[in-house]
């Protein structure tokens, strides 16, 4: 079923829904190892991004705390 908000059709959300349903269906076939590896890669990429954002946040916070007088 297409995702429609008001008069607007959201193709990207519709494709994500189809892709996730297709992944769920393929989990029960001989393609399960392929789906598993794709999901593990996606999770690793997402975890890496979140970890990098947290490290950058800590670094920027320490820079702001150390050089507060220069930033005002």
Protein backbone atom coordinates (compact mmCIF):
# COMPACT_ATOMS: atom_id res chain seq x y z
CA UNK A 1 0.00 0.00 0.00
CA UNK A 2 1.52 3.36 -0.97
CA UNK A 3 2.32 5.82 1.78
CA UNK A 4 0.29 8.96 1.17
CA UNK A 5 0.34 12.06 3.39
CA UNK A 6 -2.47 14.38 2.39
CA UNK A 7 -2.08 14.80 -1.34
CA UNK A 8 1.61 13.85 -1.34
CA UNK A 9 2.96 10.42 -2.27
CA UNK A 10 6.18 9.54 -0.41
CA UNK A 11 8.04 7.20 -2.73
CA UNK A 12 11.10 6.79 -0.48
CA UNK A 13 9.01 5.63 2.49
CA UNK A 14 7.03 3.34 0.22
CA UNK A 15 10.24 1.72 -1.07
CA UNK A 16 11.60 1.30 2.49
CA UNK A 17 8.40 -0.52 3.42
CA UNK A 18 8.61 -2.79 0.39
CA UNK A 19 12.30 -3.46 1.02
CA UNK A 20 11.77 -4.37 4.66
CA UNK A 21 8.89 -6.68 3.78
CA UNK A 22 10.98 -8.30 1.06
CA UNK A 23 13.82 -8.81 3.54
CA UNK A 24 11.43 -10.45 6.00
CA UNK A 25 10.15 -12.78 3.30
CA UNK A 26 13.66 -13.69 2.13
CA UNK A 27 14.68 -14.62 5.68
CA UNK A 28 12.68 -17.81 5.29
CA UNK A 29 14.33 -18.86 2.02
CA UNK A 30 17.76 -19.99 0.90
CA UNK A 31 18.70 -16.29 0.75
CA UNK A 32 18.69 -15.98 4.54
CA UNK A 33 22.52 -15.83 4.84
CA UNK A 34 22.61 -13.01 2.29
CA UNK A 35 19.90 -11.06 4.12
CA UNK A 36 21.68 -11.63 7.43
CA UNK A 37 24.98 -10.29 6.09
CA UNK A 38 23.25 -7.23 4.58
CA UNK A 39 21.55 -6.49 7.89
CA UNK A 40 24.81 -6.91 9.82
CA UNK A 41 26.57 -4.50 7.45
CA UNK A 42 23.76 -1.97 7.80
CA UNK A 43 23.85 -2.24 11.60
CA UNK A 44 27.64 -1.88 11.69
CA UNK A 45 27.50 1.22 9.48
CA UNK A 46 24.78 2.74 11.66
CA UNK A 47 26.63 1.91 14.88
CA UNK A 48 29.82 3.41 13.48
CA UNK A 49 27.99 6.62 12.57
CA UNK A 50 26.44 6.94 16.04
CA UNK A 51 29.79 6.25 17.72
CA UNK A 52 31.52 8.87 15.55
CA UNK A 53 28.82 11.44 16.38
CA UNK A 54 29.26 10.78 20.09
CA UNK A 55 33.05 11.16 19.84
CA UNK A 56 32.69 14.42 17.90
CA UNK A 57 30.21 15.72 20.47
CA UNK A 58 32.62 15.00 23.32
CA UNK A 59 35.50 16.60 21.41
CA UNK A 60 33.53 19.76 20.59
CA UNK A 61 32.30 20.03 24.16
CA UNK A 62 35.85 19.87 25.49
CA UNK A 63 37.02 22.47 22.95
CA UNK A 64 34.20 24.80 23.97
CA UNK A 65 34.97 24.28 27.66
CA UNK A 66 38.71 24.88 27.16
CA UNK A 67 38.34 27.96 24.95
CA UNK A 68 35.23 29.56 26.35
CA UNK A 69 36.92 32.93 26.65
CA UNK A 70 37.71 33.05 22.93
CA UNK A 71 34.19 32.19 21.87
CA UNK A 72 32.35 35.00 23.63
